[in-house]
Amino acid sequence: MTRSPAGRSGLRGAFLSETAEAKQNVAKVSPGEFVRQVRLEAIQRVHWPTRKETITTAIMVIIMTSMLALFFFGVDAFFTTVVKFLLGLAK
C-alpha cells in the first residue's frame, strides 16, 4: 500500500489528507455576508414556479387528497362492517 502525505496508508488516508487541505482553503465570511449570500442565492439560483405551475400542483394535491380520503373511508367502512358482524356472532 502507498503512504499518503498525512502518514496514513491506502485510499482512506489520501482522502483524509485531501479533505484537510480543502478545509484550509475555505474562505471565512462574516455572518452578515453569509446571510447576504443566502438571500442572493435564493433569488437568483432557485427556480421559482410560475403561477400556472403552482395552481396546477395545488389542484393535483387536492384531487389526490380527496381520492385518498375516499379510499380510506371505504376501507374503514368495510372493517367497521366486518367487526360489527363478528361482534354480532358473539351474542
PDB file of N, CA and C in Angstrom:
ATOM      1  N   MET A   1       0.836  -1.187   0.000  1.00  0.00           N
ATOM      2  CA  MET A   1       0.000   0.000   0.000  1.00  0.00           C
ATOM      3  C   MET A   1       0.873   1.240   0.000  1.00  0.00           C
ATOM      4  N   THR A   2       0.355   2.277  -0.614  1.00  0.00           N
ATOM      5  CA  THR A   2       1.112   3.520  -0.648  1.00  0.00           C
ATOM      6  C   THR A   2       0.791   4.364   0.567  1.00  0.00           C
ATOM      7  N   ARG A   3       1.724   5.192   0.940  1.00  0.00           N
ATOM      8  CA  ARG A   3       1.516   6.062   2.093  1.00  0.00           C
ATOM      9  C   ARG A   3       1.101   7.434   1.592  1.00  0.00           C
ATOM     10  N   SER A   4       0.118   7.997   2.258  1.00  0.00           N
ATOM     11  CA  SER A   4      -0.361   9.319   1.870  1.00  0.00           C
ATOM     12  C   SER A   4       0.478  10.381   2.562  1.00  0.00           C
ATOM     13  N   PRO A   5       0.371  11.631   2.126  1.00  0.00           N
ATOM     14  CA  PRO A   5       1.124  12.709   2.772  1.00  0.00           C
ATOM     15  C   PRO A   5       0.768  12.867   4.243  1.00  0.00           C
ATOM     16  N   ALA A   6      -0.419  12.454   4.642  1.00  0.00           N
ATOM     17  CA  ALA A   6      -0.825  12.589   6.040  1.00  0.00           C
ATOM     18  C   ALA A   6      -0.245  11.465   6.904  1.00  0.00           C
ATOM     19  N   GLY A   7       0.436  10.492   6.284  1.00  0.00           N
ATOM     20  CA  GLY A   7       1.040   9.428   7.049  1.00  0.00           C
ATOM     21  C   GLY A   7       0.151   8.210   7.177  1.00  0.00           C
ATOM     22  N   ARG A   8      -1.017   8.229   6.605  1.00  0.00           N
ATOM     23  CA  ARG A   8      -1.919   7.084   6.669  1.00  0.00           C
ATOM     24  C   ARG A   8      -1.728   6.266   5.394  1.00  0.00           C
ATOM     25  N   SER A   9      -2.052   4.990   5.486  1.00  0.00           N
ATOM     26  CA  SER A   9      -1.864   4.135   4.322  1.00  0.00           C
ATOM     27  C   SER A   9      -3.185   3.949   3.590  1.00  0.00           C
ATOM     28  N   GLY A  10      -3.100   3.729   2.288  1.00  0.00           N
ATOM     29  CA  GLY A  10      -4.274   3.407   1.485  1.00  0.00           C
ATOM     30  C   GLY A  10      -5.052   4.624   1.049  1.00  0.00           C
ATOM     31  N   LEU A  11      -6.213   4.336   0.443  1.00  0.00           N
ATOM     32  CA  LEU A  11      -7.055   5.394  -0.094  1.00  0.00           C
ATOM     33  C   LEU A  11      -7.684   6.247   0.991  1.00  0.00           C
ATOM     34  N   ARG A  12      -8.012   5.625   2.100  1.00  0.00           N
ATOM     35  CA  ARG A  12      -8.675   6.371   3.176  1.00  0.00           C
ATOM     36  C   ARG A  12      -7.776   7.499   3.674  1.00  0.00           C
ATOM     37  N   GLY A  13      -6.500   7.211   3.826  1.00  0.00           N
ATOM     38  CA  GLY A  13      -5.563   8.234   4.280  1.00  0.00           C
ATOM     39  C   GLY A  13      -5.436   9.367   3.279  1.00  0.00           C
ATOM     40  N   ALA A  14      -5.421   9.024   1.986  1.00  0.00           N
ATOM     41  CA  ALA A  14      -5.341  10.050   0.958  1.00  0.00           C
ATOM     42  C   ALA A  14      -6.585  10.918   0.977  1.00  0.00           C
ATOM     43  N   PHE A  15      -7.741  10.296   1.189  1.00  0.00           N
ATOM     44  CA  PHE A  15      -8.987  11.060   1.255  1.00  0.00           C
ATOM     45  C   PHE A  15      -8.977  12.010   2.440  1.00  0.00           C
ATOM     46  N   LEU A  16      -8.499  11.522   3.590  1.00  0.00           N
ATOM     47  CA  LEU A  16      -8.461  12.357   4.779  1.00  0.00           C
ATOM     48  C   LEU A  16      -7.536  13.540   4.591  1.00  0.00           C
ATOM     49  N   SER A  17      -6.409  13.326   3.927  1.00  0.00           N
ATOM     50  CA  SER A  17      -5.481  14.436   3.730  1.00  0.00           C
ATOM     51  C   SER A  17      -6.063  15.453   2.751  1.00  0.00           C
ATOM     52  N   GLU A  18      -6.792  14.992   1.733  1.00  0.00           N
ATOM     53  CA  GLU A  18      -7.409  15.919   0.785  1.00  0.00           C
ATOM     54  C   GLU A  18      -8.496  16.749   1.455  1.00  0.00           C
ATOM     55  N   THR A  19      -9.299  16.140   2.331  1.00  0.00           N
ATOM     56  CA  THR A  19     -10.344  16.905   2.998  1.00  0.00           C
ATOM     57  C   THR A  19      -9.745  17.901   3.968  1.00  0.00           C
ATOM     58  N   ALA A  20      -8.622  17.570   4.599  1.00  0.00           N
ATOM     59  CA  ALA A  20      -7.972  18.514   5.496  1.00  0.00           C
ATOM     60  C   ALA A  20      -7.458  19.720   4.713  1.00  0.00           C
ATOM     61  N   GLU A  21      -6.910  19.461   3.513  1.00  0.00           N
ATOM     62  CA  GLU A  21      -6.441  20.562   2.672  1.00  0.00           C
ATOM     63  C   GLU A  21      -7.602  21.414   2.203  1.00  0.00           C
ATOM     64  N   ALA A  22      -8.730  20.785   1.883  1.00  0.00           N
ATOM     65  CA  ALA A  22      -9.903  21.532   1.425  1.00  0.00           C
ATOM     66  C   ALA A  22     -10.442  22.424   2.528  1.00  0.00           C
ATOM     67  N   LYS A  23     -10.386  21.947   3.772  1.00  0.00           N
ATOM     68  CA  LYS A  23     -10.872  22.757   4.885  1.00  0.00           C
ATOM     69  C   LYS A  23     -10.012  24.007   5.074  1.00  0.00           C
ATOM     70  N   GLN A  24      -8.733  23.906   4.792  1.00  0.00           N
ATOM     71  CA  GLN A  24      -7.854  25.054   4.936  1.00  0.00           C
ATOM     72  C   GLN A  24      -8.117  26.100   3.866  1.00  0.00           C
ATOM     73  N   ASN A  25      -8.629  25.688   2.697  1.00  0.00           N
ATOM     74  CA  ASN A  25      -8.855  26.606   1.589  1.00  0.00           C
ATOM     75  C   ASN A  25     -10.219  27.269   1.618  1.00  0.00           C
ATOM     76  N   VAL A  26     -11.083  26.937   2.586  1.00  0.00           N
ATOM     77  CA  VAL A  26     -12.426  27.509   2.664  1.00  0.00           C
ATOM     78  C   VAL A  26     -12.318  28.961   3.116  1.00  0.00           C
ATOM     79  N   ALA A  27     -13.004  29.844   2.386  1.00  0.00           N
ATOM     80  CA  ALA A  27     -12.974  31.264   2.725  1.00  0.00           C
ATOM     81  C   ALA A  27     -13.827  31.517   3.961  1.00  0.00           C
ATOM     82  N   LYS A  28     -13.330  32.342   4.847  1.00  0.00           N
ATOM     83  CA  LYS A  28     -14.075  32.710   6.054  1.00  0.00           C
ATOM     84  C   LYS A  28     -14.902  33.950   5.733  1.00  0.00           C
ATOM     85  N   VAL A  29     -16.196  33.899   6.060  1.00  0.00           N
ATOM     86  CA  VAL A  29     -17.062  35.050   5.833  1.00  0.00           C
ATOM     87  C   VAL A  29     -17.778  35.394   7.127  1.00  0.00           C
ATOM     88  N   SER A  30     -18.148  36.655   7.235  1.00  0.00           N
ATOM     89  CA  SER A  30     -18.868  37.103   8.428  1.00  0.00           C
ATOM     90  C   SER A  30     -20.315  36.626   8.355  1.00  0.00           C
ATOM     91  N   PRO A  31     -21.013  36.570   9.493  1.00  0.00           N
ATOM     92  CA  PRO A  31     -22.421  36.159   9.466  1.00  0.00           C
ATOM     93  C   PRO A  31     -23.279  37.043   8.563  1.00  0.00           C
ATOM     94  N   GLY A  32     -23.007  38.341   8.549  1.00  0.00           N
ATOM     95  CA  GLY A  32     -23.767  39.244   7.677  1.00  0.00           C
ATOM     96  C   GLY A  32     -23.569  38.937   6.210  1.00  0.00           C
ATOM     97  N   GLU A  33     -22.312  38.660   5.823  1.00  0.00           N
ATOM     98  CA  GLU A  33     -22.008  38.301   4.433  1.00  0.00           C
ATOM     99  C   GLU A  33     -22.657  36.973   4.073  1.00  0.00           C
ATOM    100  N   PHE A  34     -22.664  36.024   4.998  1.00  0.00           N
ATOM    101  CA  PHE A  34     -23.304  34.733   4.765  1.00  0.00           C
ATOM    102  C   PHE A  34     -24.789  34.907   4.483  1.00  0.00           C
ATOM    103  N   VAL A  35     -25.486  35.726   5.305  1.00  0.00           N
ATOM    104  CA  VAL A  35     -26.916  35.965   5.104  1.00  0.00           C
ATOM    105  C   VAL A  35     -27.149  36.637   3.759  1.00  0.00           C
ATOM    106  N   ARG A  36     -26.288  37.576   3.378  1.00  0.00           N
ATOM    107  CA  ARG A  36     -26.436  38.247   2.083  1.00  0.00           C
ATOM    108  C   ARG A  36     -26.285  37.247   0.941  1.00  0.00           C
ATOM    109  N   GLN A  37     -25.316  36.349   1.045  1.00  0.00           N
ATOM    110  CA  GLN A  37     -25.104  35.340   0.007  1.00  0.00           C
ATOM    111  C   GLN A  37     -26.288  34.381  -0.089  1.00  0.00           C
ATOM    112  N   VAL A  38     -26.849  34.002   1.054  1.00  0.00           N
ATOM    113  CA  VAL A  38     -28.005  33.100   1.056  1.00  0.00           C
ATOM    114  C   VAL A  38     -29.188  33.768   0.380  1.00  0.00           C
ATOM    115  N   ARG A  39     -29.435  35.029   0.693  1.00  0.00           N
ATOM    116  CA  ARG A  39     -30.551  35.746   0.050  1.00  0.00           C
ATOM    117  C   ARG A  39     -30.339  35.852  -1.453  1.00  0.00           C
ATOM    118  N   LEU A  40     -29.116  36.161  -1.859  1.00  0.00           N
ATOM    119  CA  LEU A  40     -28.800  36.276  -3.273  1.00  0.00           C
ATOM    120  C   LEU A  40     -29.021  34.943  -3.982  1.00  0.00           C
ATOM    121  N   GLU A  41     -28.602  33.861  -3.341  1.00  0.00           N
ATOM    122  CA  GLU A  41     -28.792  32.534  -3.929  1.00  0.00           C
ATOM    123  C   GLU A  41     -30.270  32.196  -4.049  1.00  0.00           C
ATOM    124  N   ALA A  42     -31.046  32.533  -3.034  1.00  0.00           N
ATOM    125  CA  ALA A  42     -32.480  32.234  -3.058  1.00  0.00           C
ATOM    126  C   ALA A  42     -33.168  32.977  -4.186  1.00  0.00           C
ATOM    127  N   ILE A  43     -32.726  34.166  -4.484  1.00  0.00           N
ATOM    128  CA  ILE A  43     -33.365  34.963  -5.527  1.00  0.00           C
ATOM    129  C   ILE A  43     -32.903  34.547  -6.911  1.00  0.00           C
ATOM    130  N   GLN A  44     -31.610  34.294  -7.074  1.00  0.00           N
ATOM    131  CA  GLN A  44     -31.064  34.062  -8.413  1.00  0.00           C
ATOM    132  C   GLN A  44     -31.012  32.595  -8.822  1.00  0.00           C
ATOM    133  N   ARG A  45     -30.629  31.720  -7.942  1.00  0.00           N
ATOM    134  CA  ARG A  45     -30.354  30.337  -8.342  1.00  0.00           C
ATOM    135  C   ARG A  45     -31.544  29.407  -8.209  1.00  0.00           C
ATOM    136  N   VAL A  46     -32.492  29.723  -7.364  1.00  0.00           N
ATOM    137  CA  VAL A  46     -33.629  28.843  -7.149  1.00  0.00           C
ATOM    138  C   VAL A  46     -34.635  29.041  -8.267  1.00  0.00           C
ATOM    139  N   HIS A  47     -35.144  27.935  -8.799  1.00  0.00           N
ATOM    140  CA  HIS A  47     -36.178  28.015  -9.832  1.00  0.00           C
ATOM    141  C   HIS A  47     -37.528  28.161  -9.146  1.00  0.00           C
ATOM    142  N   TRP A  48     -38.107  29.346  -9.234  1.00  0.00           N
ATOM    143  CA  TRP A  48     -39.402  29.587  -8.622  1.00  0.00           C
ATOM    144  C   TRP A  48     -40.482  29.192  -9.619  1.00  0.00           C
ATOM    145  N   PRO A  49     -41.495  28.435  -9.190  1.00  0.00           N
ATOM    146  CA  PRO A  49     -42.550  28.007 -10.118  1.00  0.00           C
ATOM    147  C   PRO A  49     -43.405  29.191 -10.557  1.00  0.00           C
ATOM    148  N   THR A  50     -43.949  29.050 -11.749  1.00  0.00           N
ATOM    149  CA  THR A  50     -44.843  30.085 -12.248  1.00  0.00           C
ATOM    150  C   THR A  50     -46.199  29.949 -11.552  1.00  0.00           C
ATOM    151  N   ARG A  51     -47.046  30.946 -11.749  1.00  0.00           N
ATOM    152  CA  ARG A  51     -48.387  30.908 -11.145  1.00  0.00           C
ATOM    153  C   ARG A  51     -49.164  29.694 -11.659  1.00  0.00           C
ATOM    154  N   LYS A  52     -49.042  29.415 -12.964  1.00  0.00           N
ATOM    155  CA  LYS A  52     -49.748  28.280 -13.551  1.00  0.00           C
ATOM    156  C   LYS A  52     -49.270  26.957 -12.935  1.00  0.00           C
ATOM    157  N   GLU A  53     -47.951  26.792 -12.764  1.00  0.00           N
ATOM    158  CA  GLU A  53     -47.415  25.571 -12.158  1.00  0.00           C
ATOM    159  C   GLU A  53     -47.901  25.418 -10.716  1.00  0.00           C
ATOM    160  N   THR A  54     -47.951  26.527  -9.983  1.00  0.00           N
ATOM    161  CA  THR A  54     -48.400  26.475  -8.590  1.00  0.00           C
ATOM    162  C   THR A  54     -49.861  26.071  -8.498  1.00  0.00           C
ATOM    163  N   ILE A  55     -50.703  26.652  -9.355  1.00  0.00           N
ATOM    164  CA  ILE A  55     -52.136  26.326  -9.344  1.00  0.00           C
ATOM    165  C   ILE A  55     -52.352  24.879  -9.750  1.00  0.00           C
ATOM    166  N   THR A  56     -51.641  24.426 -10.785  1.00  0.00           N
ATOM    167  CA  THR A  56     -51.772  23.040 -11.243  1.00  0.00           C
ATOM    168  C   THR A  56     -51.365  22.063 -10.138  1.00  0.00           C
ATOM    169  N   THR A  57     -50.265  22.346  -9.473  1.00  0.00           N
ATOM    170  CA  THR A  57     -49.809  21.481  -8.392  1.00  0.00           C
ATOM    171  C   THR A  57     -50.808  21.458  -7.241  1.00  0.00           C
ATOM    172  N   ALA A  58     -51.344  22.623  -6.885  1.00  0.00           N
ATOM    173  CA  ALA A  58     -52.323  22.697  -5.797  1.00  0.00           C
ATOM    174  C   ALA A  58     -53.574  21.896  -6.131  1.00  0.00           C
ATOM    175  N   ILE A  59     -54.040  21.986  -7.366  1.00  0.00           N
ATOM    176  CA  ILE A  59     -55.225  21.226  -7.782  1.00  0.00           C
ATOM    177  C   ILE A  59     -54.945  19.725  -7.718  1.00  0.00           C
ATOM    178  N   MET A  60     -53.763  19.311  -8.163  1.00  0.00           N
ATOM    179  CA  MET A  60     -53.410  17.888  -8.109  1.00  0.00           C
ATOM    180  C   MET A  60     -53.349  17.394  -6.663  1.00  0.00           C
ATOM    181  N   VAL A  61     -52.832  18.209  -5.764  1.00  0.00           N
ATOM    182  CA  VAL A  61     -52.780  17.824  -4.350  1.00  0.00           C
ATOM    183  C   VAL A  61     -54.186  17.659  -3.793  1.00  0.00           C
ATOM    184  N   ILE A  62     -55.086  18.579  -4.128  1.00  0.00           N
ATOM    185  CA  ILE A  62     -56.469  18.492  -3.651  1.00  0.00           C
ATOM    186  C   ILE A  62     -57.148  17.238  -4.190  1.00  0.00           C
ATOM    187  N   ILE A  63     -56.939  16.940  -5.477  1.00  0.00           N
ATOM    188  CA  ILE A  63     -57.551  15.758  -6.092  1.00  0.00           C
ATOM    189  C   ILE A  63     -57.022  14.477  -5.434  1.00  0.00           C
ATOM    190  N   MET A  64     -55.701  14.377  -5.295  1.00  0.00           N
ATOM    191  CA  MET A  64     -55.119  13.160  -4.704  1.00  0.00           C
ATOM    192  C   MET A  64     -55.532  12.999  -3.245  1.00  0.00           C
ATOM    193  N   THR A  65     -55.602  14.100  -2.507  1.00  0.00           N
ATOM    194  CA  THR A  65     -56.026  14.027  -1.112  1.00  0.00           C
ATOM    195  C   THR A  65     -57.472  13.553  -1.013  1.00  0.00           C
ATOM    196  N   SER A  66     -58.313  14.052  -1.899  1.00  0.00           N
ATOM    197  CA  SER A  66     -59.718  13.626  -1.906  1.00  0.00           C
ATOM    198  C   SER A  66     -59.847  12.145  -2.246  1.00  0.00           C
ATOM    199  N   MET A  67     -59.073  11.687  -3.228  1.00  0.00           N
ATOM    200  CA  MET A  67     -59.121  10.272  -3.599  1.00  0.00           C
ATOM    201  C   MET A  67     -58.661   9.381  -2.442  1.00  0.00           C
ATOM    202  N   LEU A  68     -57.596   9.794  -1.758  1.00  0.00           N
ATOM    203  CA  LEU A  68     -57.130   9.006  -0.618  1.00  0.00           C
ATOM    204  C   LEU A  68     -58.150   9.025   0.517  1.00  0.00           C
ATOM    205  N   ALA A  69     -58.799  10.160   0.732  1.00  0.00           N
ATOM    206  CA  ALA A  69     -59.823  10.231   1.782  1.00  0.00           C
ATOM    207  C   ALA A  69     -60.966   9.268   1.479  1.00  0.00           C
ATOM    208  N   LEU A  70     -61.413   9.223   0.219  1.00  0.00           N
ATOM    209  CA  LEU A  70     -62.488   8.295  -0.160  1.00  0.00           C
ATOM    210  C   LEU A  70     -62.038   6.842  -0.012  1.00  0.00           C
ATOM    211  N   PHE A  71     -60.797   6.568  -0.403  1.00  0.00           N
ATOM    212  CA  PHE A  71     -60.271   5.204  -0.278  1.00  0.00           C
ATOM    213  C   PHE A  71     -60.256   4.767   1.183  1.00  0.00           C
ATOM    214  N   PHE A  72     -59.707   5.601   2.053  1.00  0.00           N
ATOM    215  CA  PHE A  72     -59.636   5.219   3.461  1.00  0.00           C
ATOM    216  C   PHE A  72     -61.011   5.191   4.118  1.00  0.00           C
ATOM    217  N   PHE A  73     -61.937   6.010   3.653  1.00  0.00           N
ATOM    218  CA  PHE A  73     -63.311   5.937   4.142  1.00  0.00           C
ATOM    219  C   PHE A  73     -63.910   4.578   3.793  1.00  0.00           C
ATOM    220  N   GLY A  74     -63.677   4.124   2.563  1.00  0.00           N
ATOM    221  CA  GLY A  74     -64.175   2.817   2.140  1.00  0.00           C
ATOM    222  C   GLY A  74     -63.560   1.673   2.933  1.00  0.00           C
ATOM    223  N   VAL A  75     -62.263   1.723   3.144  1.00  0.00           N
ATOM    224  CA  VAL A  75     -61.585   0.681   3.924  1.00  0.00           C
ATOM    225  C   VAL A  75     -62.119   0.677   5.352  1.00  0.00           C
ATOM    226  N   ASP A  76     -62.281   1.869   5.934  1.00  0.00           N
ATOM    227  CA  ASP A  76     -62.797   1.969   7.301  1.00  0.00           C
ATOM    228  C   ASP A  76     -64.222   1.427   7.383  1.00  0.00           C
ATOM    229  N   ALA A  77     -65.062   1.764   6.410  1.00  0.00           N
ATOM    230  CA  ALA A  77     -66.440   1.270   6.407  1.00  0.00           C
ATOM    231  C   ALA A  77     -66.471  -0.253   6.292  1.00  0.00           C
ATOM    232  N   PHE A  78     -65.592  -0.810   5.460  1.00  0.00           N
ATOM    233  CA  PHE A  78     -65.521  -2.256   5.302  1.00  0.00           C
ATOM    234  C   PHE A  78     -65.146  -2.934   6.628  1.00  0.00           C
ATOM    235  N   PHE A  79     -64.095  -2.444   7.265  1.00  0.00           N
ATOM    236  CA  PHE A  79     -63.668  -3.059   8.526  1.00  0.00           C
ATOM    237  C   PHE A  79     -64.690  -2.859   9.634  1.00  0.00           C
ATOM    238  N   THR A  80     -65.394  -1.721   9.618  1.00  0.00           N
ATOM    239  CA  THR A  80     -66.453  -1.498  10.604  1.00  0.00           C
ATOM    240  C   THR A  80     -67.548  -2.541  10.442  1.00  0.00           C
ATOM    241  N   THR A  81     -67.932  -2.814   9.210  1.00  0.00           N
ATOM    242  CA  THR A  81     -68.958  -3.816   8.928  1.00  0.00           C
ATOM    243  C   THR A  81     -68.500  -5.207   9.369  1.00  0.00           C
ATOM    244  N   VAL A  82     -67.256  -5.541   9.067  1.00  0.00           N
ATOM    245  CA  VAL A  82     -66.729  -6.854   9.442  1.00  0.00           C
ATOM    246  C   VAL A  82     -66.703  -6.999  10.965  1.00  0.00           C
ATOM    247  N   VAL A  83     -66.243  -5.983  11.677  1.00  0.00           N
ATOM    248  CA  VAL A  83     -66.157  -6.070  13.137  1.00  0.00           C
ATOM    249  C   VAL A  83     -67.550  -6.166  13.751  1.00  0.00           C
ATOM    250  N   LYS A  84     -68.510  -5.370  13.237  1.00  0.00           N
ATOM    251  CA  LYS A  84     -69.882  -5.441  13.758  1.00  0.00           C
ATOM    252  C   LYS A  84     -70.485  -6.833  13.536  1.00  0.00           C
ATOM    253  N   PHE A  85     -70.178  -7.402  12.353  1.00  0.00           N
ATOM    254  CA  PHE A  85     -70.684  -8.747  12.061  1.00  0.00           C
ATOM    255  C   PHE A  85     -70.091  -9.765  13.043  1.00  0.00           C
ATOM    256  N   LEU A  86     -68.777  -9.673  13.259  1.00  0.00           N
ATOM    257  CA  LEU A  86     -68.123 -10.619  14.161  1.00  0.00           C
ATOM    258  C   LEU A  86     -68.606 -10.446  15.601  1.00  0.00           C
ATOM    259  N   LEU A  87     -68.842  -9.206  16.031  1.00  0.00           N
ATOM    260  CA  LEU A  87     -69.370  -8.989  17.381  1.00  0.00           C
ATOM    261  C   LEU A  87     -70.808  -9.461  17.499  1.00  0.00           C
ATOM    262  N   GLY A  88     -71.558  -9.407  16.390  1.00  0.00           N
ATOM    263  CA  GLY A  88     -72.921  -9.895  16.386  1.00  0.00           C
ATOM    264  C   GLY A  88     -72.999 -11.395  16.553  1.00  0.00           C
ATOM    265  N   LEU A  89     -71.982 -12.111  16.136  1.00  0.00           N
ATOM    266  CA  LEU A  89     -71.946 -13.577  16.274  1.00  0.00           C
ATOM    267  C   LEU A  89     -71.759 -13.992  17.719  1.00  0.00           C
ATOM    268  N   ALA A  90     -71.181 -13.109  18.530  1.00  0.00           N
ATOM    269  CA  ALA A  90     -70.896 -13.449  19.917  1.00  0.00           C
ATOM    270  C   ALA A  90     -72.142 -13.438  20.797  1.00  0.00           C
ATOM    271  N   LYS A  91     -73.227 -12.829  20.348  1.00  0.00           N
ATOM    272  CA  LYS A  91     -74.440 -12.746  21.169  1.00  0.00           C
ATOM    273  C   LYS A  91     -75.186 -14.027  21.251  1.00  0.00           C
TER     274      LYS A  91
END
